[in-house]
Every structure is written in structure tokens, then in C-alpha cells.
Amino acid sequence: MNTDKIYAESIAKEYAPKEHSKIIALKKLDAKAKRPANIFAYTFGIVSALIAGTGMCLAMQVIGGTVPYMILGIVIGIVGFAFCGINYPIYKKILENGKKKYAYEIVELAREISEGK
């Protein structure tokens, strides 16, 4: 087995001009439709988890250490968990809007691919 030849061919493939593929365009459109929903869901989820964690730390008197901070921590924790709970419905709504926005283009491109144009 000539490993030098295989290596040279793999590098040549990287630099060879790539032909425009409808499948690649379809994948890019699909990702473009889903990207805003994913960015929102991850960002909002992380922030919600941090809020809930801060509330838990205050409630368990890891930080603060007094009764008013414990009560404040319970309230903050409930708010954080509520945000975590509404994350998925908001994500679904944003995803639905993104799919509606690009639906026509995606369906037309998929139809072209399936018909072999």
C-alpha cells in the first residue's frame, strides 16, 4: 500500500475546485432555518440555569447566609426554573417561524433534487 499516494490524493481533494451541489445547498438552507432557534435555546437555557443556580446557592446559604438572602434565593430559584420551563415552548415557536420562512425554498430545492433536474 502506497501511503504517500493516498496522502497526496487526499490533499489534492482539499484544493480541487468543488462543484456546487444541490444537496449541500439544501443542508445549508435547513441549518439557516434552524440556527436562530438553536442559538436562542442554548443562550436562554444557560442564563436560566445560572439564575436558578444562584437562587439555590442563596437558598442553601452557600452565599449570603442570612434569612432574607434565603428567601430571596428561593424567589430567584423559582424564577430561574420558570425560565427553564418556558425555554422549550419558545424554542419551538422560533423554530416554527424559521421553518415557515424558508419552507418554500427548501421544498422547491428538495423537489428539484428528487426529480433529478
PDB file of N, CA and C in Angstrom:
ATOM      1  N   MET A   1       0.838  -1.173   0.000  1.00  0.00           N
ATOM      2  CA  MET A   1       0.000   0.000   0.000  1.00  0.00           C
ATOM      3  C   MET A   1       0.888   1.241   0.000  1.00  0.00           C
ATOM      4  N   ASN A   2       0.612   2.129  -0.914  1.00  0.00           N
ATOM      5  CA  ASN A   2       1.411   3.331  -1.044  1.00  0.00           C
ATOM      6  C   ASN A   2       0.732   4.466  -0.273  1.00  0.00           C
ATOM      7  N   THR A   3       1.195   4.705   0.953  1.00  0.00           N
ATOM      8  CA  THR A   3       0.577   5.729   1.795  1.00  0.00           C
ATOM      9  C   THR A   3       0.867   7.133   1.284  1.00  0.00           C
ATOM     10  N   ASP A   4       2.007   7.322   0.634  1.00  0.00           N
ATOM     11  CA  ASP A   4       2.317   8.648   0.092  1.00  0.00           C
ATOM     12  C   ASP A   4       1.313   9.037  -0.987  1.00  0.00           C
ATOM     13  N   LYS A   5       0.937   8.070  -1.813  1.00  0.00           N
ATOM     14  CA  LYS A   5      -0.023   8.340  -2.887  1.00  0.00           C
ATOM     15  C   LYS A   5      -1.389   8.691  -2.301  1.00  0.00           C
ATOM     16  N   ILE A   6      -1.824   7.941  -1.287  1.00  0.00           N
ATOM     17  CA  ILE A   6      -3.108   8.198  -0.644  1.00  0.00           C
ATOM     18  C   ILE A   6      -3.108   9.581   0.002  1.00  0.00           C
ATOM     19  N   TYR A   7      -2.011   9.919   0.670  1.00  0.00           N
ATOM     20  CA  TYR A   7      -1.890  11.217   1.321  1.00  0.00           C
ATOM     21  C   TYR A   7      -1.928  12.348   0.298  1.00  0.00           C
ATOM     22  N   ALA A   8      -1.210  12.175  -0.806  1.00  0.00           N
ATOM     23  CA  ALA A   8      -1.188  13.194  -1.852  1.00  0.00           C
ATOM     24  C   ALA A   8      -2.572  13.389  -2.462  1.00  0.00           C
ATOM     25  N   GLU A   9      -3.312  12.298  -2.670  1.00  0.00           N
ATOM     26  CA  GLU A   9      -4.664  12.399  -3.228  1.00  0.00           C
ATOM     27  C   GLU A   9      -5.613  13.100  -2.268  1.00  0.00           C
ATOM     28  N   SER A  10      -5.471  12.839  -0.975  1.00  0.00           N
ATOM     29  CA  SER A  10      -6.361  13.483  -0.003  1.00  0.00           C
ATOM     30  C   SER A  10      -6.101  14.986   0.065  1.00  0.00           C
ATOM     31  N   ILE A  11      -4.853  15.396  -0.038  1.00  0.00           N
ATOM     32  CA  ILE A  11      -4.540  16.823  -0.040  1.00  0.00           C
ATOM     33  C   ILE A  11      -5.018  17.463  -1.339  1.00  0.00           C
ATOM     34  N   ALA A  12      -4.858  16.768  -2.455  1.00  0.00           N
ATOM     35  CA  ALA A  12      -5.308  17.309  -3.742  1.00  0.00           C
ATOM     36  C   ALA A  12      -6.824  17.522  -3.743  1.00  0.00           C
ATOM     37  N   LYS A  13      -7.574  16.647  -3.062  1.00  0.00           N
ATOM     38  CA  LYS A  13      -9.031  16.799  -2.987  1.00  0.00           C
ATOM     39  C   LYS A  13      -9.418  18.086  -2.265  1.00  0.00           C
ATOM     40  N   GLU A  14      -8.634  18.457  -1.244  1.00  0.00           N
ATOM     41  CA  GLU A  14      -8.931  19.672  -0.490  1.00  0.00           C
ATOM     42  C   GLU A  14      -8.835  20.915  -1.356  1.00  0.00           C
ATOM     43  N   TYR A  15      -7.880  20.922  -2.295  1.00  0.00           N
ATOM     44  CA  TYR A  15      -7.627  22.107  -3.093  1.00  0.00           C
ATOM     45  C   TYR A  15      -8.307  22.077  -4.454  1.00  0.00           C
ATOM     46  N   ALA A  16      -8.904  20.980  -4.804  1.00  0.00           N
ATOM     47  CA  ALA A  16      -9.595  20.877  -6.090  1.00  0.00           C
ATOM     48  C   ALA A  16     -10.856  21.722  -6.043  1.00  0.00           C
ATOM     49  N   PRO A  17     -11.239  22.341  -7.163  1.00  0.00           N
ATOM     50  CA  PRO A  17     -12.470  23.132  -7.161  1.00  0.00           C
ATOM     51  C   PRO A  17     -13.680  22.242  -6.876  1.00  0.00           C
ATOM     52  N   LYS A  18     -14.525  22.742  -6.004  1.00  0.00           N
ATOM     53  CA  LYS A  18     -15.686  21.958  -5.612  1.00  0.00           C
ATOM     54  C   LYS A  18     -16.867  22.355  -6.488  1.00  0.00           C
ATOM     55  N   GLU A  19     -17.599  21.353  -6.919  1.00  0.00           N
ATOM     56  CA  GLU A  19     -18.782  21.626  -7.721  1.00  0.00           C
ATOM     57  C   GLU A  19     -19.943  21.964  -6.798  1.00  0.00           C
ATOM     58  N   HIS A  20     -20.811  22.836  -7.259  1.00  0.00           N
ATOM     59  CA  HIS A  20     -21.960  23.258  -6.462  1.00  0.00           C
ATOM     60  C   HIS A  20     -22.983  22.127  -6.434  1.00  0.00           C
ATOM     61  N   SER A  21     -23.290  21.673  -5.260  1.00  0.00           N
ATOM     62  CA  SER A  21     -24.221  20.568  -5.100  1.00  0.00           C
ATOM     63  C   SER A  21     -25.534  21.081  -4.514  1.00  0.00           C
ATOM     64  N   LYS A  22     -26.625  20.570  -5.042  1.00  0.00           N
ATOM     65  CA  LYS A  22     -27.934  20.964  -4.527  1.00  0.00           C
ATOM     66  C   LYS A  22     -28.165  20.406  -3.128  1.00  0.00           C
ATOM     67  N   ILE A  23     -27.579  19.258  -2.851  1.00  0.00           N
ATOM     68  CA  ILE A  23     -27.708  18.665  -1.512  1.00  0.00           C
ATOM     69  C   ILE A  23     -27.040  19.571  -0.482  1.00  0.00           C
ATOM     70  N   ILE A  24     -25.864  20.091  -0.809  1.00  0.00           N
ATOM     71  CA  ILE A  24     -25.168  20.990   0.110  1.00  0.00           C
ATOM     72  C   ILE A  24     -25.993  22.250   0.320  1.00  0.00           C
ATOM     73  N   ALA A  25     -26.572  22.780  -0.763  1.00  0.00           N
ATOM     74  CA  ALA A  25     -27.411  23.966  -0.646  1.00  0.00           C
ATOM     75  C   ALA A  25     -28.631  23.682   0.220  1.00  0.00           C
ATOM     76  N   LEU A  26     -29.203  22.499   0.086  1.00  0.00           N
ATOM     77  CA  LEU A  26     -30.359  22.118   0.897  1.00  0.00           C
ATOM     78  C   LEU A  26     -29.982  22.016   2.375  1.00  0.00           C
ATOM     79  N   LYS A  27     -28.834  21.434   2.662  1.00  0.00           N
ATOM     80  CA  LYS A  27     -28.367  21.337   4.050  1.00  0.00           C
ATOM     81  C   LYS A  27     -28.122  22.717   4.646  1.00  0.00           C
ATOM     82  N   LYS A  28     -27.556  23.621   3.846  1.00  0.00           N
ATOM     83  CA  LYS A  28     -27.296  24.976   4.333  1.00  0.00           C
ATOM     84  C   LYS A  28     -28.600  25.718   4.621  1.00  0.00           C
ATOM     85  N   LEU A  29     -29.585  25.555   3.747  1.00  0.00           N
ATOM     86  CA  LEU A  29     -30.879  26.192   3.984  1.00  0.00           C
ATOM     87  C   LEU A  29     -31.546  25.640   5.244  1.00  0.00           C
ATOM     88  N   ASP A  30     -31.455  24.335   5.435  1.00  0.00           N
ATOM     89  CA  ASP A  30     -32.033  23.712   6.623  1.00  0.00           C
ATOM     90  C   ASP A  30     -31.360  24.254   7.882  1.00  0.00           C
ATOM     91  N   ALA A  31     -30.037  24.345   7.856  1.00  0.00           N
ATOM     92  CA  ALA A  31     -29.311  24.876   9.013  1.00  0.00           C
ATOM     93  C   ALA A  31     -29.652  26.343   9.245  1.00  0.00           C
ATOM     94  N   LYS A  32     -29.814  27.091   8.161  1.00  0.00           N
ATOM     95  CA  LYS A  32     -30.155  28.507   8.264  1.00  0.00           C
ATOM     96  C   LYS A  32     -31.531  28.690   8.890  1.00  0.00           C
ATOM     97  N   ALA A  33     -32.442  27.797   8.612  1.00  0.00           N
ATOM     98  CA  ALA A  33     -33.793  27.876   9.184  1.00  0.00           C
ATOM     99  C   ALA A  33     -33.785  27.547  10.677  1.00  0.00           C
ATOM    100  N   LYS A  34     -32.905  26.656  11.098  1.00  0.00           N
ATOM    101  CA  LYS A  34     -32.882  26.201  12.493  1.00  0.00           C
ATOM    102  C   LYS A  34     -31.936  26.999  13.397  1.00  0.00           C
ATOM    103  N   ARG A  35     -30.997  27.728  12.815  1.00  0.00           N
ATOM    104  CA  ARG A  35     -29.964  28.398  13.601  1.00  0.00           C
ATOM    105  C   ARG A  35     -30.505  29.386  14.639  1.00  0.00           C
ATOM    106  N   PRO A  36     -31.426  30.289  14.298  1.00  0.00           N
ATOM    107  CA  PRO A  36     -31.888  31.239  15.322  1.00  0.00           C
ATOM    108  C   PRO A  36     -32.532  30.553  16.529  1.00  0.00           C
ATOM    109  N   ALA A  37     -33.291  29.506  16.295  1.00  0.00           N
ATOM    110  CA  ALA A  37     -33.936  28.790  17.399  1.00  0.00           C
ATOM    111  C   ALA A  37     -32.892  28.120  18.287  1.00  0.00           C
ATOM    112  N   ASN A  38     -31.879  27.521  17.682  1.00  0.00           N
ATOM    113  CA  ASN A  38     -30.843  26.855  18.471  1.00  0.00           C
ATOM    114  C   ASN A  38     -30.027  27.852  19.287  1.00  0.00           C
ATOM    115  N   ILE A  39     -29.672  28.974  18.678  1.00  0.00           N
ATOM    116  CA  ILE A  39     -28.898  29.985  19.402  1.00  0.00           C
ATOM    117  C   ILE A  39     -29.701  30.503  20.590  1.00  0.00           C
ATOM    118  N   PHE A  40     -30.977  30.795  20.344  1.00  0.00           N
ATOM    119  CA  PHE A  40     -31.814  31.277  21.446  1.00  0.00           C
ATOM    120  C   PHE A  40     -31.912  30.232  22.548  1.00  0.00           C
ATOM    121  N   ALA A  41     -32.203  28.992  22.189  1.00  0.00           N
ATOM    122  CA  ALA A  41     -32.429  27.955  23.199  1.00  0.00           C
ATOM    123  C   ALA A  41     -31.189  27.733  24.065  1.00  0.00           C
ATOM    124  N   TYR A  42     -30.023  27.667  23.444  1.00  0.00           N
ATOM    125  CA  TYR A  42     -28.801  27.470  24.235  1.00  0.00           C
ATOM    126  C   TYR A  42     -28.518  28.668  25.131  1.00  0.00           C
ATOM    127  N   THR A  43     -28.622  29.861  24.583  1.00  0.00           N
ATOM    128  CA  THR A  43     -28.326  31.058  25.365  1.00  0.00           C
ATOM    129  C   THR A  43     -29.311  31.229  26.518  1.00  0.00           C
ATOM    130  N   PHE A  44     -30.594  31.145  26.216  1.00  0.00           N
ATOM    131  CA  PHE A  44     -31.617  31.313  27.239  1.00  0.00           C
ATOM    132  C   PHE A  44     -31.530  30.204  28.284  1.00  0.00           C
ATOM    133  N   GLY A  45     -31.222  28.982  27.855  1.00  0.00           N
ATOM    134  CA  GLY A  45     -31.088  27.864  28.789  1.00  0.00           C
ATOM    135  C   GLY A  45     -29.921  28.039  29.746  1.00  0.00           C
ATOM    136  N   ILE A  46     -28.800  28.513  29.214  1.00  0.00           N
ATOM    137  CA  ILE A  46     -27.629  28.729  30.071  1.00  0.00           C
ATOM    138  C   ILE A  46     -27.902  29.827  31.082  1.00  0.00           C
ATOM    139  N   VAL A  47     -28.482  30.925  30.615  1.00  0.00           N
ATOM    140  CA  VAL A  47     -28.793  32.034  31.524  1.00  0.00           C
ATOM    141  C   VAL A  47     -29.810  31.585  32.579  1.00  0.00           C
ATOM    142  N   SER A  48     -30.815  30.838  32.174  1.00  0.00           N
ATOM    143  CA  SER A  48     -31.825  30.354  33.116  1.00  0.00           C
ATOM    144  C   SER A  48     -31.212  29.437  34.170  1.00  0.00           C
ATOM    145  N   ALA A  49     -30.322  28.559  33.733  1.00  0.00           N
ATOM    146  CA  ALA A  49     -29.668  27.648  34.680  1.00  0.00           C
ATOM    147  C   ALA A  49     -28.781  28.417  35.660  1.00  0.00           C
ATOM    148  N   LEU A  50     -28.115  29.460  35.176  1.00  0.00           N
ATOM    149  CA  LEU A  50     -27.290  30.272  36.077  1.00  0.00           C
ATOM    150  C   LEU A  50     -28.150  31.022  37.092  1.00  0.00           C
ATOM    151  N   ILE A  51     -29.288  31.520  36.652  1.00  0.00           N
ATOM    152  CA  ILE A  51     -30.201  32.199  37.579  1.00  0.00           C
ATOM    153  C   ILE A  51     -30.708  31.208  38.632  1.00  0.00           C
ATOM    154  N   ALA A  52     -31.119  30.022  38.187  1.00  0.00           N
ATOM    155  CA  ALA A  52     -31.605  29.013  39.131  1.00  0.00           C
ATOM    156  C   ALA A  52     -30.496  28.587  40.093  1.00  0.00           C
ATOM    157  N   GLY A  53     -29.296  28.431  39.606  1.00  0.00           N
ATOM    158  CA  GLY A  53     -28.172  28.051  40.467  1.00  0.00           C
ATOM    159  C   GLY A  53     -27.841  29.109  41.497  1.00  0.00           C
ATOM    160  N   THR A  54     -27.911  30.367  41.083  1.00  0.00           N
ATOM    161  CA  THR A  54     -27.665  31.455  42.032  1.00  0.00           C
ATOM    162  C   THR A  54     -28.734  31.438  43.126  1.00  0.00           C
ATOM    163  N   GLY A  55     -29.964  31.236  42.716  1.00  0.00           N
ATOM    164  CA  GLY A  55     -31.044  31.156  43.705  1.00  0.00           C
ATOM    165  C   GLY A  55     -30.851  29.995  44.663  1.00  0.00           C
ATOM    166  N   MET A  56     -30.405  28.865  44.141  1.00  0.00           N
ATOM    167  CA  MET A  56     -30.173  27.699  45.014  1.00  0.00           C
ATOM    168  C   MET A  56     -29.035  27.973  45.997  1.00  0.00           C
ATOM    169  N   CYS A  57     -27.979  28.641  45.527  1.00  0.00           N
ATOM    170  CA  CYS A  57     -26.869  28.971  46.425  1.00  0.00           C
ATOM    171  C   CYS A  57     -27.323  29.907  47.539  1.00  0.00           C
ATOM    172  N   LEU A  58     -28.141  30.881  47.191  1.00  0.00           N
ATOM    173  CA  LEU A  58     -28.663  31.776  48.223  1.00  0.00           C
ATOM    174  C   LEU A  58     -29.603  31.039  49.170  1.00  0.00           C
ATOM    175  N   ALA A  59     -30.464  30.190  48.636  1.00  0.00           N
ATOM    176  CA  ALA A  59     -31.432  29.477  49.471  1.00  0.00           C
ATOM    177  C   ALA A  59     -30.755  28.501  50.425  1.00  0.00           C
ATOM    178  N   MET A  60     -29.669  27.885  49.988  1.00  0.00           N
ATOM    179  CA  MET A  60     -28.971  26.932  50.849  1.00  0.00           C
ATOM    180  C   MET A  60     -27.902  27.616  51.687  1.00  0.00           C
ATOM    181  N   GLN A  61     -27.869  28.922  51.631  1.00  0.00           N
ATOM    182  CA  GLN A  61     -26.969  29.763  52.416  1.00  0.00           C
ATOM    183  C   GLN A  61     -25.496  29.474  52.151  1.00  0.00           C
ATOM    184  N   VAL A  62     -25.209  29.097  50.895  1.00  0.00           N
ATOM    185  CA  VAL A  62     -23.813  28.948  50.495  1.00  0.00           C
ATOM    186  C   VAL A  62     -23.211  30.338  50.350  1.00  0.00           C
ATOM    187  N   ILE A  63     -24.003  31.229  49.769  1.00  0.00           N
ATOM    188  CA  ILE A  63     -23.631  32.645  49.739  1.00  0.00           C
ATOM    189  C   ILE A  63     -24.733  33.408  50.460  1.00  0.00           C
ATOM    190  N   GLY A  64     -24.419  34.524  51.013  1.00  0.00           N
ATOM    191  CA  GLY A  64     -25.410  35.276  51.780  1.00  0.00           C
ATOM    192  C   GLY A  64     -25.360  34.872  53.239  1.00  0.00           C
ATOM    193  N   GLY A  65     -26.083  33.833  53.601  1.00  0.00           N
ATOM    194  CA  GLY A  65     -26.008  33.283  54.950  1.00  0.00           C
ATOM    195  C   GLY A  65     -27.038  33.810  55.928  1.00  0.00           C
ATOM    196  N   THR A  66     -27.929  34.681  55.497  1.00  0.00           N
ATOM    197  CA  THR A  66     -28.965  35.160  56.410  1.00  0.00           C
ATOM    198  C   THR A  66     -30.336  34.794  55.846  1.00  0.00           C
ATOM    199  N   VAL A  67     -31.351  34.922  56.700  1.00  0.00           N
ATOM    200  CA  VAL A  67     -32.708  34.528  56.318  1.00  0.00           C
ATOM    201  C   VAL A  67     -33.238  35.366  55.145  1.00  0.00           C
ATOM    202  N   PRO A  68     -33.036  36.684  55.119  1.00  0.00           N
ATOM    203  CA  PRO A  68     -33.533  37.437  53.954  1.00  0.00           C
ATOM    204  C   PRO A  68     -32.905  36.967  52.637  1.00  0.00           C
ATOM    205  N   TYR A  69     -31.633  36.629  52.669  1.00  0.00           N
ATOM    206  CA  TYR A  69     -30.987  36.107  51.463  1.00  0.00           C
ATOM    207  C   TYR A  69     -31.551  34.739  51.078  1.00  0.00           C
ATOM    208  N   MET A  70     -31.921  33.943  52.077  1.00  0.00           N
ATOM    209  CA  MET A  70     -32.508  32.641  51.794  1.00  0.00           C
ATOM    210  C   MET A  70     -33.863  32.816  51.094  1.00  0.00           C
ATOM    211  N   ILE A  71     -34.666  33.718  51.563  1.00  0.00           N
ATOM    212  CA  ILE A  71     -35.962  33.978  50.934  1.00  0.00           C
ATOM    213  C   ILE A  71     -35.764  34.525  49.526  1.00  0.00           C
ATOM    214  N   LEU A  72     -34.836  35.456  49.383  1.00  0.00           N
ATOM    215  CA  LEU A  72     -34.510  35.990  48.066  1.00  0.00           C
ATOM    216  C   LEU A  72     -34.028  34.870  47.140  1.00  0.00           C
ATOM    217  N   GLY A  73     -33.248  33.954  47.669  1.00  0.00           N
ATOM    218  CA  GLY A  73     -32.748  32.827  46.883  1.00  0.00           C
ATOM    219  C   GLY A  73     -33.865  31.918  46.403  1.00  0.00           C
ATOM    220  N   ILE A  74     -34.848  31.692  47.239  1.00  0.00           N
ATOM    221  CA  ILE A  74     -35.994  30.858  46.840  1.00  0.00           C
ATOM    222  C   ILE A  74     -36.730  31.517  45.682  1.00  0.00           C
ATOM    223  N   VAL A  75     -36.949  32.827  45.797  1.00  0.00           N
ATOM    224  CA  VAL A  75     -37.643  33.558  44.733  1.00  0.00           C
ATOM    225  C   VAL A  75     -36.829  33.523  43.438  1.00  0.00           C
ATOM    226  N   ILE A  76     -35.546  33.794  43.534  1.00  0.00           N
ATOM    227  CA  ILE A  76     -34.683  33.786  42.348  1.00  0.00           C
ATOM    228  C   ILE A  76     -34.632  32.387  41.739  1.00  0.00           C
ATOM    229  N   GLY A  77     -34.560  31.362  42.569  1.00  0.00           N
ATOM    230  CA  GLY A  77     -34.545  29.988  42.067  1.00  0.00           C
ATOM    231  C   GLY A  77     -35.824  29.632  41.327  1.00  0.00           C
ATOM    232  N   ILE A  78     -36.956  30.046  41.868  1.00  0.00           N
ATOM    233  CA  ILE A  78     -38.233  29.773  41.201  1.00  0.00           C
ATOM    234  C   ILE A  78     -38.288  30.473  39.849  1.00  0.00           C
ATOM    235  N   VAL A  79     -37.798  31.712  39.799  1.00  0.00           N
ATOM    236  CA  VAL A  79     -37.763  32.442  38.527  1.00  0.00           C
ATOM    237  C   VAL A  79     -36.863  31.715  37.523  1.00  0.00           C
ATOM    238  N   GLY A  80     -35.695  31.268  37.977  1.00  0.00           N
ATOM    239  CA  GLY A  80     -34.776  30.539  37.098  1.00  0.00           C
ATOM    240  C   GLY A  80     -35.380  29.253  36.569  1.00  0.00           C
ATOM    241  N   PHE A  81     -36.068  28.509  37.438  1.00  0.00           N
ATOM    242  CA  PHE A  81     -36.695  27.266  36.997  1.00  0.00           C
ATOM    243  C   PHE A  81     -37.880  27.533  36.068  1.00  0.00           C
ATOM    244  N   ALA A  82     -38.587  28.637  36.307  1.00  0.00           N
ATOM    245  CA  ALA A  82     -39.688  29.003  35.405  1.00  0.00           C
ATOM    246  C   ALA A  82     -39.134  29.328  34.013  1.00  0.00           C
ATOM    247  N   PHE A  83     -38.009  30.050  33.966  1.00  0.00           N
ATOM    248  CA  PHE A  83     -37.377  30.349  32.682  1.00  0.00           C
ATOM    249  C   PHE A  83     -36.933  29.066  31.987  1.00  0.00           C
ATOM    250  N   CYS A  84     -36.397  28.128  32.760  1.00  0.00           N
ATOM    251  CA  CYS A  84     -36.005  26.838  32.172  1.00  0.00           C
ATOM    252  C   CYS A  84     -37.230  26.124  31.597  1.00  0.00           C
ATOM    253  N   GLY A  85     -38.344  26.252  32.265  1.00  0.00           N
ATOM    254  CA  GLY A  85     -39.563  25.584  31.815  1.00  0.00           C
ATOM    255  C   GLY A  85     -40.156  26.181  30.549  1.00  0.00           C
ATOM    256  N   ILE A  86     -39.995  27.497  30.353  1.00  0.00           N
ATOM    257  CA  ILE A  86     -40.574  28.115  29.166  1.00  0.00           C
ATOM    258  C   ILE A  86     -39.603  28.129  27.986  1.00  0.00           C
ATOM    259  N   ASN A  87     -38.389  27.675  28.208  1.00  0.00           N
ATOM    260  CA  ASN A  87     -37.393  27.676  27.134  1.00  0.00           C
ATOM    261  C   ASN A  87     -37.840  26.839  25.936  1.00  0.00           C
ATOM    262  N   TYR A  88     -38.317  25.637  26.182  1.00  0.00           N
ATOM    263  CA  TYR A  88     -38.678  24.746  25.077  1.00  0.00           C
ATOM    264  C   TYR A  88     -39.865  25.260  24.258  1.00  0.00           C
ATOM    265  N   PRO A  89     -40.948  25.734  24.889  1.00  0.00           N
ATOM    266  CA  PRO A  89     -42.037  26.278  24.062  1.00  0.00           C
ATOM    267  C   PRO A  89     -41.605  27.473  23.202  1.00  0.00           C
ATOM    268  N   ILE A  90     -40.759  28.331  23.756  1.00  0.00           N
ATOM    269  CA  ILE A  90     -40.267  29.463  22.967  1.00  0.00           C
ATOM    270  C   ILE A  90     -39.397  28.957  21.820  1.00  0.00           C
ATOM    271  N   TYR A  91     -38.549  27.968  22.097  1.00  0.00           N
ATOM    272  CA  TYR A  91     -37.706  27.372  21.052  1.00  0.00           C
ATOM    273  C   TYR A  91     -38.562  26.818  19.919  1.00  0.00           C
ATOM    274  N   LYS A  92     -39.618  26.089  20.267  1.00  0.00           N
ATOM    275  CA  LYS A  92     -40.494  25.505  19.247  1.00  0.00           C
ATOM    276  C   LYS A  92     -41.133  26.595  18.385  1.00  0.00           C
ATOM    277  N   LYS A  93     -41.536  27.699  18.993  1.00  0.00           N
ATOM    278  CA  LYS A  93     -42.173  28.794  18.261  1.00  0.00           C
ATOM    279  C   LYS A  93     -41.169  29.450  17.302  1.00  0.00           C
ATOM    280  N   ILE A  94     -39.958  29.694  17.765  1.00  0.00           N
ATOM    281  CA  ILE A  94     -38.935  30.301  16.910  1.00  0.00           C
ATOM    282  C   ILE A  94     -38.577  29.344  15.776  1.00  0.00           C
ATOM    283  N   LEU A  95     -38.482  28.054  16.072  1.00  0.00           N
ATOM    284  CA  LEU A  95     -38.177  27.058  15.050  1.00  0.00           C
ATOM    285  C   LEU A  95     -39.285  27.001  14.006  1.00  0.00           C
ATOM    286  N   GLU A  96     -40.519  27.049  14.448  1.00  0.00           N
ATOM    287  CA  GLU A  96     -41.659  27.037  13.527  1.00  0.00           C
ATOM    288  C   GLU A  96     -41.626  28.255  12.599  1.00  0.00           C
ATOM    289  N   ASN A  97     -41.298  29.412  13.147  1.00  0.00           N
ATOM    290  CA  ASN A  97     -41.202  30.624  12.331  1.00  0.00           C
ATOM    291  C   ASN A  97     -40.064  30.523  11.313  1.00  0.00           C
ATOM    292  N   GLY A  98     -38.932  29.957  11.726  1.00  0.00           N
ATOM    293  CA  GLY A  98     -37.809  29.781  10.809  1.00  0.00           C
ATOM    294  C   GLY A  98     -38.138  28.806   9.692  1.00  0.00           C
ATOM    295  N   LYS A  99     -38.856  27.748  10.031  1.00  0.00           N
ATOM    296  CA  LYS A  99     -39.248  26.782   9.009  1.00  0.00           C
ATOM    297  C   LYS A  99     -40.245  27.388   8.039  1.00  0.00           C
ATOM    298  N   LYS A 100     -41.174  28.211   8.538  1.00  0.00           N
ATOM    299  CA  LYS A 100     -42.120  28.881   7.649  1.00  0.00           C
ATOM    300  C   LYS A 100     -41.399  29.821   6.695  1.00  0.00           C
ATOM    301  N   LYS A 101     -40.391  30.501   7.215  1.00  0.00           N
ATOM    302  CA  LYS A 101     -39.668  31.493   6.422  1.00  0.00           C
ATOM    303  C   LYS A 101     -38.951  30.857   5.233  1.00  0.00           C
ATOM    304  N   TYR A 102     -38.362  29.681   5.436  1.00  0.00           N
ATOM    305  CA  TYR A 102     -37.571  29.033   4.393  1.00  0.00           C
ATOM    306  C   TYR A 102     -38.274  27.831   3.763  1.00  0.00           C
ATOM    307  N   ALA A 103     -39.514  27.600   4.110  1.00  0.00           N
ATOM    308  CA  ALA A 103     -40.216  26.394   3.644  1.00  0.00           C
ATOM    309  C   ALA A 103     -40.291  26.324   2.126  1.00  0.00           C
ATOM    310  N   TYR A 104     -40.656  27.409   1.491  1.00  0.00           N
ATOM    311  CA  TYR A 104     -40.820  27.385   0.033  1.00  0.00           C
ATOM    312  C   TYR A 104     -39.506  27.033  -0.662  1.00  0.00           C
ATOM    313  N   GLU A 105     -38.421  27.689  -0.266  1.00  0.00           N
ATOM    314  CA  GLU A 105     -37.122  27.429  -0.893  1.00  0.00           C
ATOM    315  C   GLU A 105     -36.673  25.986  -0.674  1.00  0.00           C
ATOM    316  N   ILE A 106     -36.855  25.493   0.541  1.00  0.00           N
ATOM    317  CA  ILE A 106     -36.419  24.134   0.859  1.00  0.00           C
ATOM    318  C   ILE A 106     -37.237  23.110   0.084  1.00  0.00           C
ATOM    319  N   VAL A 107     -38.543  23.303   0.014  1.00  0.00           N
ATOM    320  CA  VAL A 107     -39.406  22.360  -0.698  1.00  0.00           C
ATOM    321  C   VAL A 107     -39.081  22.364  -2.190  1.00  0.00           C
ATOM    322  N   GLU A 108     -38.871  23.540  -2.770  1.00  0.00           N
ATOM    323  CA  GLU A 108     -38.542  23.624  -4.194  1.00  0.00           C
ATOM    324  C   GLU A 108     -37.208  22.944  -4.493  1.00  0.00           C
ATOM    325  N   LEU A 109     -36.211  23.200  -3.657  1.00  0.00           N
ATOM    326  CA  LEU A 109     -34.903  22.580  -3.862  1.00  0.00           C
ATOM    327  C   LEU A 109     -34.979  21.062  -3.673  1.00  0.00           C
ATOM    328  N   ALA A 110     -35.726  20.617  -2.680  1.00  0.00           N
ATOM    329  CA  ALA A 110     -35.893  19.175  -2.461  1.00  0.00           C
ATOM    330  C   ALA A 110     -36.611  18.521  -3.636  1.00  0.00           C
ATOM    331  N   ARG A 111     -37.591  19.235  -4.184  1.00  0.00           N
ATOM    332  CA  ARG A 111     -38.318  18.706  -5.340  1.00  0.00           C
ATOM    333  C   ARG A 111     -37.378  18.601  -6.549  1.00  0.00           C
ATOM    334  N   GLU A 112     -36.523  19.605  -6.759  1.00  0.00           N
ATOM    335  CA  GLU A 112     -35.558  19.547  -7.853  1.00  0.00           C
ATOM    336  C   GLU A 112     -34.613  18.365  -7.700  1.00  0.00           C
ATOM    337  N   ILE A 113     -34.167  18.140  -6.468  1.00  0.00           N
ATOM    338  CA  ILE A 113     -33.242  17.025  -6.229  1.00  0.00           C
ATOM    339  C   ILE A 113     -33.935  15.695  -6.466  1.00  0.00           C
ATOM    340  N   SER A 114     -35.156  15.559  -5.978  1.00  0.00           N
ATOM    341  CA  SER A 114     -35.845  14.278  -6.115  1.00  0.00           C
ATOM    342  C   SER A 114     -36.249  13.991  -7.559  1.00  0.00           C
ATOM    343  N   GLU A 115     -36.529  15.037  -8.352  1.00  0.00           N
ATOM    344  CA  GLU A 115     -36.885  14.835  -9.741  1.00  0.00           C
ATOM    345  C   GLU A 115     -35.655  14.701 -10.636  1.00  0.00           C
ATOM    346  N   GLY A 116     -34.492  15.029 -10.091  1.00  0.00           N
ATOM    347  CA  GLY A 116     -33.248  14.835 -10.826  1.00  0.00           C
ATOM    348  C   GLY A 116     -32.968  15.911 -11.861  1.00  0.00           C
ATOM    349  N   LYS A 117     -33.417  17.127 -11.628  1.00  0.00           N
ATOM    350  CA  LYS A 117     -33.158  18.222 -12.579  1.00  0.00           C
ATOM    351  C   LYS A 117     -31.725  18.640 -12.547  1.00  0.00           C
TER     352      LYS A 117
END
